[in-house]
């Protein structure tokens, strides 16, 4: 008989962010056993596929609920995303202190603490680095999704705790090759208000999006059979892809917004023949669905992912330091259409799934 475990999962869930909700979906589908009693700390309940064939309890993220759930569960999981950083506001340092308190509480009450596919940093302050180091010293196992986070752990922990590098959890979603039969050129487009989450300026963002709009307009005028479909991966009051996409859309452009159904949104993504991605998980889902893409890389994690998967230099454009011109974007989109093999990397599902053996070997 399988051991009955009570698992508590905490992450950036319930904020209408497709990538983070997909992380949760993957953990529930691929990591947790069906015999587990699973509770998720989330801003709101997330619609889950009936294929999970399990009951999941959603609990709001009030401080009282979080603390009480840590006490009564057996395993405390930090499930994906940027969990430990102090860049931005004083609230980030307060959040690091709160996380350390939760981890210590979990250990006092006999629970295991596991970090799955998280990223670490940026950490700019001494107190931020200290709180993060202590959090990991009290944890049982840490799986990070990128080399930069692994370097943090190498510096902080050395051999004091189990830690390992694992790809983004959502890469586990597909067990077999995705079949695509799309004849029309339907180019998916995702942009993010990256000036709100990075040091980049609003002026650079506006210039980039204007150049992209002009490039798409020129291509459509020359090739009217081409369709652009816009995808809002997050619709939150603070960070809204949709508000940016509305500025780029004409009257014929469809904007598909993630509203909580992971499978429905992915099916819409899979209707695209090509993709212009910006968000990290837009790049991930183009990759696992075998969609030729190029990425407007606003963050190092996007560049790291594209390089690790084997995309060439044409597969991404680092927009952090230079805004591509309208002509550069037009040429890149045209090459994406006419020579899509140059922008296509076949996902190797066997390698992806085998890389997650560490997750099961360490305490799960």
Protein backbone atom coordinates (compact mmCIF):
# COMPACT_ATOMS: atom_id res chain seq x y z
CA UNK A 1 0.00 0.00 0.00
CA UNK A 2 1.30 3.46 -0.91
CA UNK A 3 2.16 5.72 1.98
CA UNK A 4 -0.44 8.43 2.57
CA UNK A 5 1.31 11.78 2.59
CA UNK A 6 -0.03 15.26 3.21
CA UNK A 7 1.68 17.64 0.81
CA UNK A 8 1.51 21.44 0.96
CA UNK A 9 2.54 23.37 -2.17
CA UNK A 10 3.39 27.06 -2.23
CA UNK A 11 4.12 29.19 -5.29
CA UNK A 12 2.92 32.15 -7.31
CA UNK A 13 -0.46 30.56 -8.04
CA UNK A 14 -3.86 32.04 -8.79
CA UNK A 15 -2.65 35.30 -10.34
CA UNK A 16 -3.84 34.45 -13.87
CA UNK A 17 -0.26 33.61 -14.84
CA UNK A 18 -0.20 30.67 -17.24
CA UNK A 19 3.42 29.73 -16.57
CA UNK A 20 3.09 29.49 -12.80
CA UNK A 21 -0.24 27.67 -12.96
CA UNK A 22 1.29 25.23 -15.45
CA UNK A 23 4.09 24.59 -12.94
CA UNK A 24 1.49 23.61 -10.35
CA UNK A 25 -0.36 21.44 -12.86
CA UNK A 26 2.89 19.63 -13.66
CA UNK A 27 3.70 19.00 -9.99
CA UNK A 28 0.22 17.59 -9.38
CA UNK A 29 0.28 15.45 -12.53
CA UNK A 30 3.87 14.23 -12.58
CA UNK A 31 5.38 14.47 -9.10
CA UNK A 32 2.76 13.96 -6.40
CA UNK A 33 1.38 10.46 -6.03
CA UNK A 34 -2.35 9.91 -6.44
CA UNK A 35 -2.43 8.78 -2.83
CA UNK A 36 -1.12 12.14 -1.64
CA UNK A 37 -3.47 14.54 0.12
CA UNK A 38 -2.55 17.80 -1.60
CA UNK A 39 -3.22 21.34 -0.39
CA UNK A 40 -2.25 24.33 -2.53
CA UNK A 41 -1.71 27.85 -1.23
CA UNK A 42 -3.20 30.04 -3.94
CA UNK A 43 -4.82 33.42 -4.43
CA UNK A 44 -7.80 31.62 -5.93
CA UNK A 45 -8.85 28.14 -7.03
CA UNK A 46 -7.44 27.07 -10.39
CA UNK A 47 -9.53 24.92 -12.77
CA UNK A 48 -7.78 21.57 -13.12
CA UNK A 49 -8.21 18.96 -15.81
CA UNK A 50 -10.41 15.99 -14.99
CA UNK A 51 -7.52 13.83 -16.20
CA UNK A 52 -5.78 14.46 -12.89
CA UNK A 53 -8.45 12.28 -11.33
CA UNK A 54 -7.74 13.58 -7.86
CA UNK A 55 -8.98 16.01 -5.27
CA UNK A 56 -6.91 19.11 -4.61
CA UNK A 57 -7.70 21.55 -1.82
CA UNK A 58 -7.03 25.23 -2.45
CA UNK A 59 -6.42 27.49 0.55
CA UNK A 60 -6.10 31.27 0.45
CA UNK A 61 -2.73 32.83 1.21
CA UNK A 62 -3.48 34.66 4.44
CA UNK A 63 -0.65 34.49 6.97
CA UNK A 64 -2.84 32.45 9.35
CA UNK A 65 -3.71 29.90 6.65
CA UNK A 66 -0.11 29.52 5.54
CA UNK A 67 1.21 28.96 9.07
CA UNK A 68 -1.55 26.54 10.06
CA UNK A 69 -1.12 24.50 6.87
CA UNK A 70 2.65 24.24 7.36
CA UNK A 71 2.00 22.77 10.82
CA UNK A 72 -0.47 20.07 9.73
CA UNK A 73 1.23 18.81 6.53
CA UNK A 74 4.09 16.31 6.10
CA UNK A 75 5.91 17.80 3.11
CA UNK A 76 6.25 21.51 2.36
CA UNK A 77 6.99 22.18 -1.33
CA UNK A 78 8.11 25.43 -2.91
CA UNK A 79 6.85 24.75 -6.40
CA UNK A 80 8.76 26.53 -9.17
CA UNK A 81 9.24 30.17 -10.02
CA UNK A 82 11.44 32.94 -8.64
CA UNK A 83 11.17 32.18 -4.94
CA UNK A 84 14.20 33.86 -3.35
CA UNK A 85 15.13 37.40 -4.36
CA UNK A 86 15.60 40.76 -2.66
CA UNK A 87 15.76 43.01 -5.70
CA UNK A 88 13.08 45.68 -5.99
CA UNK A 89 11.35 46.55 -2.72
CA UNK A 90 11.78 46.16 1.05
CA UNK A 91 8.84 43.76 0.94
CA UNK A 92 11.07 41.19 -0.76
CA UNK A 93 13.36 41.10 2.28
CA UNK A 94 10.33 40.77 4.57
CA UNK A 95 9.10 37.91 2.40
CA UNK A 96 12.47 36.18 2.67
CA UNK A 97 12.27 36.47 6.47
CA UNK A 98 8.74 35.03 6.42
CA UNK A 99 9.84 32.11 4.22
CA UNK A 100 12.69 31.33 6.58
CA UNK A 101 10.22 31.32 9.48
CA UNK A 102 7.93 28.91 7.61
CA UNK A 103 10.81 26.56 6.82
CA UNK A 104 11.98 26.53 10.45
CA UNK A 105 8.40 25.90 11.59
CA UNK A 106 8.08 23.00 9.14
CA UNK A 107 11.24 21.39 10.48
CA UNK A 108 10.18 21.88 14.11
CA UNK A 109 6.88 20.09 13.35
CA UNK A 110 8.66 17.21 11.60
CA UNK A 111 8.00 18.08 7.96
CA UNK A 112 10.31 17.82 4.98
CA UNK A 113 11.00 20.98 2.97
CA UNK A 114 11.59 20.57 -0.76
CA UNK A 115 12.23 23.17 -3.46
CA UNK A 116 11.26 22.05 -6.98
CA UNK A 117 12.48 23.86 -10.08
CA UNK A 118 12.91 27.23 -8.40
CA UNK A 119 15.21 30.09 -9.35
CA UNK A 120 17.32 32.13 -6.95
CA UNK A 121 18.14 35.82 -7.25
CA UNK A 122 18.87 38.47 -7.82
CA UNK A 123 20.20 38.78 -4.28
CA UNK A 124 21.78 42.21 -3.75
CA UNK A 125 21.81 42.70 0.04
CA UNK A 126 23.72 40.96 2.82
CA UNK A 127 20.53 40.30 4.76
CA UNK A 128 18.86 38.86 1.65
CA UNK A 129 21.76 36.49 1.04
CA UNK A 130 21.87 35.46 4.72
CA UNK A 131 18.12 34.74 4.93
CA UNK A 132 18.26 32.72 1.72
CA UNK A 133 21.29 30.74 2.89
CA UNK A 134 19.61 29.88 6.19
CA UNK A 135 16.41 28.88 4.38
CA UNK A 136 18.33 26.35 2.31
CA UNK A 137 20.37 25.08 5.26
CA UNK A 138 17.11 24.09 6.96
CA UNK A 139 15.67 22.52 3.78
CA UNK A 140 15.90 18.86 2.82
CA UNK A 141 16.34 19.15 -0.93
CA UNK A 142 16.71 21.95 -3.48
CA UNK A 143 16.16 21.62 -7.21
CA UNK A 144 16.94 24.79 -9.19
CA UNK A 145 16.10 25.46 -12.81
CA UNK A 146 19.09 27.49 -14.03
CA UNK A 147 22.87 27.71 -13.81
CA UNK A 148 22.85 31.05 -12.00
CA UNK A 149 20.77 29.58 -9.18
CA UNK A 150 23.07 26.57 -9.03
CA UNK A 151 26.04 28.91 -8.66
CA UNK A 152 24.29 30.58 -5.71
CA UNK A 153 23.92 27.16 -4.06
CA UNK A 154 27.54 26.21 -4.79
CA UNK A 155 28.61 29.36 -2.95
CA UNK A 156 26.12 29.11 -0.08
CA UNK A 157 25.99 25.41 0.70
CA UNK A 158 28.84 23.53 -0.96
CA UNK A 159 28.20 19.95 0.23
CA UNK A 160 26.03 20.74 3.23
CA UNK A 161 22.67 19.92 1.58
CA UNK A 162 21.25 17.96 -1.35
CA UNK A 163 20.81 20.24 -4.34
CA UNK A 164 20.72 19.73 -8.06
CA UNK A 165 19.97 21.38 -11.39
CA UNK A 166 16.70 20.47 -13.07
CA UNK A 167 14.99 21.91 -16.15
CA UNK A 168 11.80 23.92 -15.83
CA UNK A 169 9.11 21.59 -14.46
CA UNK A 170 6.64 22.29 -17.29
CA UNK A 171 8.94 20.42 -19.68
CA UNK A 172 7.57 17.25 -18.07
CA UNK A 173 4.04 17.82 -19.33
CA UNK A 174 4.35 15.86 -22.58
CA UNK A 175 5.32 12.19 -22.51
CA UNK A 176 5.29 11.76 -26.28
CA UNK A 177 5.93 13.73 -29.44
CA UNK A 178 3.39 16.44 -30.23
CA UNK A 179 1.87 16.01 -33.68
CA UNK A 180 1.25 19.19 -35.66
CA UNK A 181 -0.73 19.54 -38.88
CA UNK A 182 -0.98 23.25 -39.62
CA UNK A 183 -0.97 24.43 -43.23
CA UNK A 184 -1.74 28.12 -42.75
CA UNK A 185 0.81 30.58 -41.44
CA UNK A 186 -0.59 31.60 -38.06
CA UNK A 187 2.07 33.36 -36.01
CA UNK A 188 1.55 33.54 -32.27
CA UNK A 189 2.83 36.67 -30.54
CA UNK A 190 3.45 37.29 -26.85
CA UNK A 191 4.84 40.42 -25.23
CA UNK A 192 5.25 41.42 -21.60
CA UNK A 193 5.45 44.86 -19.93
CA UNK A 194 9.04 44.06 -19.03
CA UNK A 195 9.79 47.59 -17.87
CA UNK A 196 7.73 46.76 -14.74
CA UNK A 197 9.78 43.70 -13.82
CA UNK A 198 13.30 44.68 -14.94
CA UNK A 199 15.54 47.74 -14.97
CA UNK A 200 14.67 48.47 -18.59
CA UNK A 201 12.97 51.78 -19.31
CA UNK A 202 9.41 52.39 -20.41
CA UNK A 203 10.80 54.34 -23.39
CA UNK A 204 12.72 51.29 -24.63
CA UNK A 205 9.66 49.10 -24.21
CA UNK A 206 7.47 51.52 -26.16
CA UNK A 207 10.09 51.77 -28.92
CA UNK A 208 10.37 47.98 -29.18
CA UNK A 209 6.63 47.44 -29.34
CA UNK A 210 6.19 50.20 -31.90
CA UNK A 211 8.91 48.66 -34.09
CA UNK A 212 7.26 45.25 -33.74
CA UNK A 213 3.87 46.71 -34.70
CA UNK A 214 5.36 48.37 -37.80
CA UNK A 215 7.15 45.16 -38.79
CA UNK A 216 4.00 43.03 -38.49
CA UNK A 217 1.97 45.63 -40.38
CA UNK A 218 4.48 45.62 -43.25
CA UNK A 219 4.50 41.82 -43.44
CA UNK A 220 0.70 41.63 -43.49
CA UNK A 221 0.48 44.21 -46.25
CA UNK A 222 2.89 42.15 -48.38
CA UNK A 223 1.47 38.75 -47.41
CA UNK A 224 -2.23 39.18 -46.54
CA UNK A 225 -2.74 35.44 -45.96
CA UNK A 226 -0.53 35.53 -42.87
CA UNK A 227 -2.34 35.70 -39.53
CA UNK A 228 -0.99 37.02 -36.24
CA UNK A 229 -2.65 35.72 -33.07
CA UNK A 230 -1.79 37.44 -29.78
CA UNK A 231 -1.43 35.55 -26.49
CA UNK A 232 -1.72 37.13 -23.03
CA UNK A 233 0.03 34.70 -20.67
CA UNK A 234 -0.74 36.85 -17.62
CA UNK A 235 -3.73 39.09 -16.92
CA UNK A 236 -3.03 40.60 -13.52
CA UNK A 237 -3.70 44.11 -12.25
CA UNK A 238 0.04 44.71 -11.85
CA UNK A 239 1.47 42.94 -14.90
CA UNK A 240 -0.90 42.65 -17.86
CA UNK A 241 0.22 41.24 -21.21
CA UNK A 242 -3.21 42.00 -22.63
CA UNK A 243 -2.96 45.78 -22.14
CA UNK A 244 0.25 45.79 -24.19
CA UNK A 245 -1.18 43.50 -26.87
CA UNK A 246 -4.23 45.71 -27.33
CA UNK A 247 -1.89 48.49 -28.45
CA UNK A 248 -0.41 46.20 -31.11
CA UNK A 249 -3.64 44.66 -32.35
CA UNK A 250 -5.69 45.79 -35.33
CA UNK A 251 -9.38 45.09 -35.77
CA UNK A 252 -8.73 41.65 -37.29
CA UNK A 253 -6.32 40.43 -34.62
CA UNK A 254 -7.49 37.88 -32.05
CA UNK A 255 -6.18 38.21 -28.51
CA UNK A 256 -6.32 34.96 -26.53
CA UNK A 257 -6.07 35.52 -22.79
CA UNK A 258 -5.26 32.88 -20.20
CA UNK A 259 -8.21 32.67 -17.82
CA UNK A 260 -7.38 29.60 -15.75
CA UNK A 261 -7.76 26.60 -18.05
CA UNK A 262 -4.26 25.28 -18.71
CA UNK A 263 -5.22 22.68 -21.32
CA UNK A 264 -7.45 25.09 -23.26
CA UNK A 265 -4.75 27.76 -23.44
CA UNK A 266 -2.11 25.26 -24.53
CA UNK A 267 -4.42 23.95 -27.25
CA UNK A 268 -4.69 27.51 -28.57
CA UNK A 269 -0.89 27.80 -28.55
CA UNK A 270 -0.68 24.57 -30.51
CA UNK A 271 -2.81 26.09 -33.29
CA UNK A 272 0.12 28.35 -34.19
CA UNK A 273 2.55 27.50 -36.97
CA UNK A 274 5.24 29.87 -35.63
CA UNK A 275 5.71 32.00 -32.52
CA UNK A 276 7.30 35.29 -31.52
CA UNK A 277 7.88 34.75 -27.81
CA UNK A 278 8.91 37.02 -24.98
CA UNK A 279 7.82 35.38 -21.73
CA UNK A 280 9.92 32.48 -20.53
CA UNK A 281 7.00 30.06 -20.59
CA UNK A 282 5.94 31.23 -24.03
CA UNK A 283 9.36 30.00 -25.18
CA UNK A 284 9.01 26.77 -23.18
CA UNK A 285 5.59 25.90 -24.59
CA UNK A 286 6.66 26.71 -28.14
CA UNK A 287 9.56 24.34 -27.60
CA UNK A 288 7.59 21.42 -26.14
CA UNK A 289 4.91 21.84 -28.83
CA UNK A 290 7.57 21.86 -31.58
CA UNK A 291 6.67 25.34 -32.84
CA UNK A 292 9.43 27.30 -34.65
CA UNK A 293 10.09 30.47 -32.66
CA UNK A 294 12.33 33.37 -31.98
CA UNK A 295 12.49 34.94 -28.56
CA UNK A 296 12.68 38.63 -27.65
CA UNK A 297 14.85 37.94 -24.61
CA UNK A 298 14.15 40.43 -21.83
CA UNK A 299 15.78 38.27 -19.12
CA UNK A 300 18.87 36.07 -18.81
CA UNK A 301 16.68 33.04 -18.05
CA UNK A 302 15.20 33.28 -21.56
CA UNK A 303 18.63 33.38 -23.18
CA UNK A 304 19.86 30.48 -21.03
CA UNK A 305 16.84 28.38 -22.00
CA UNK A 306 17.14 29.08 -25.72
CA UNK A 307 20.86 28.29 -25.74
CA UNK A 308 20.47 25.14 -23.64
CA UNK A 309 17.77 23.81 -25.98
CA UNK A 310 20.03 24.36 -28.99
CA UNK A 311 18.52 27.40 -30.69
CA UNK A 312 21.05 29.31 -32.77
CA UNK A 313 21.81 33.01 -32.48
CA UNK A 314 18.91 33.83 -34.82
CA UNK A 315 16.55 32.14 -32.37
CA UNK A 316 16.66 34.98 -29.86
CA UNK A 317 17.44 38.70 -29.62
CA UNK A 318 18.79 40.18 -26.38
CA UNK A 319 16.61 43.29 -25.95
CA UNK A 320 18.07 44.30 -22.59
CA UNK A 321 20.79 46.46 -24.08
CA UNK A 322 19.64 47.21 -27.61
CA UNK A 323 16.18 47.64 -29.14
CA UNK A 324 15.87 45.96 -32.56
CA UNK A 325 14.77 48.23 -35.38
CA UNK A 326 11.63 47.76 -37.40
CA UNK A 327 13.74 46.44 -40.28
CA UNK A 328 15.58 43.95 -38.07
CA UNK A 329 12.30 42.61 -36.68
CA UNK A 330 10.72 42.42 -40.11
CA UNK A 331 13.69 40.46 -41.46
CA UNK A 332 13.66 38.12 -38.46
CA UNK A 333 9.93 37.41 -38.82
CA UNK A 334 10.31 36.87 -42.55
CA UNK A 335 13.14 34.40 -41.96
CA UNK A 336 11.04 32.65 -39.32
CA UNK A 337 8.33 32.10 -41.94
CA UNK A 338 10.48 31.22 -44.94
CA UNK A 339 13.18 29.19 -43.20
CA UNK A 340 11.44 27.87 -40.11
CA UNK A 341 13.80 24.90 -39.72
CA UNK A 342 16.42 27.42 -38.61
CA UNK A 343 14.10 28.38 -35.72
CA UNK A 344 12.97 24.87 -34.82
CA UNK A 345 14.49 22.55 -32.24
CA UNK A 346 12.85 19.16 -31.80
CA UNK A 347 12.14 18.54 -28.15
CA UNK A 348 13.61 15.27 -26.88
CA UNK A 349 11.02 14.03 -24.43
CA UNK A 350 13.04 11.04 -23.24
CA UNK A 351 15.96 13.23 -22.21
CA UNK A 352 13.61 15.73 -20.57
CA UNK A 353 11.80 13.15 -18.48
CA UNK A 354 14.97 11.29 -17.49
CA UNK A 355 16.46 14.54 -16.20
CA UNK A 356 13.83 14.61 -13.47
CA UNK A 357 15.03 11.41 -11.80
CA UNK A 358 16.63 13.52 -9.09
CA UNK A 359 13.20 14.78 -8.02
CA UNK A 360 12.10 11.26 -7.12
CA UNK A 361 15.47 10.24 -5.73
CA UNK A 362 15.55 13.11 -3.27
CA UNK A 363 12.78 12.64 -0.71
CA UNK A 364 9.75 12.42 -3.02
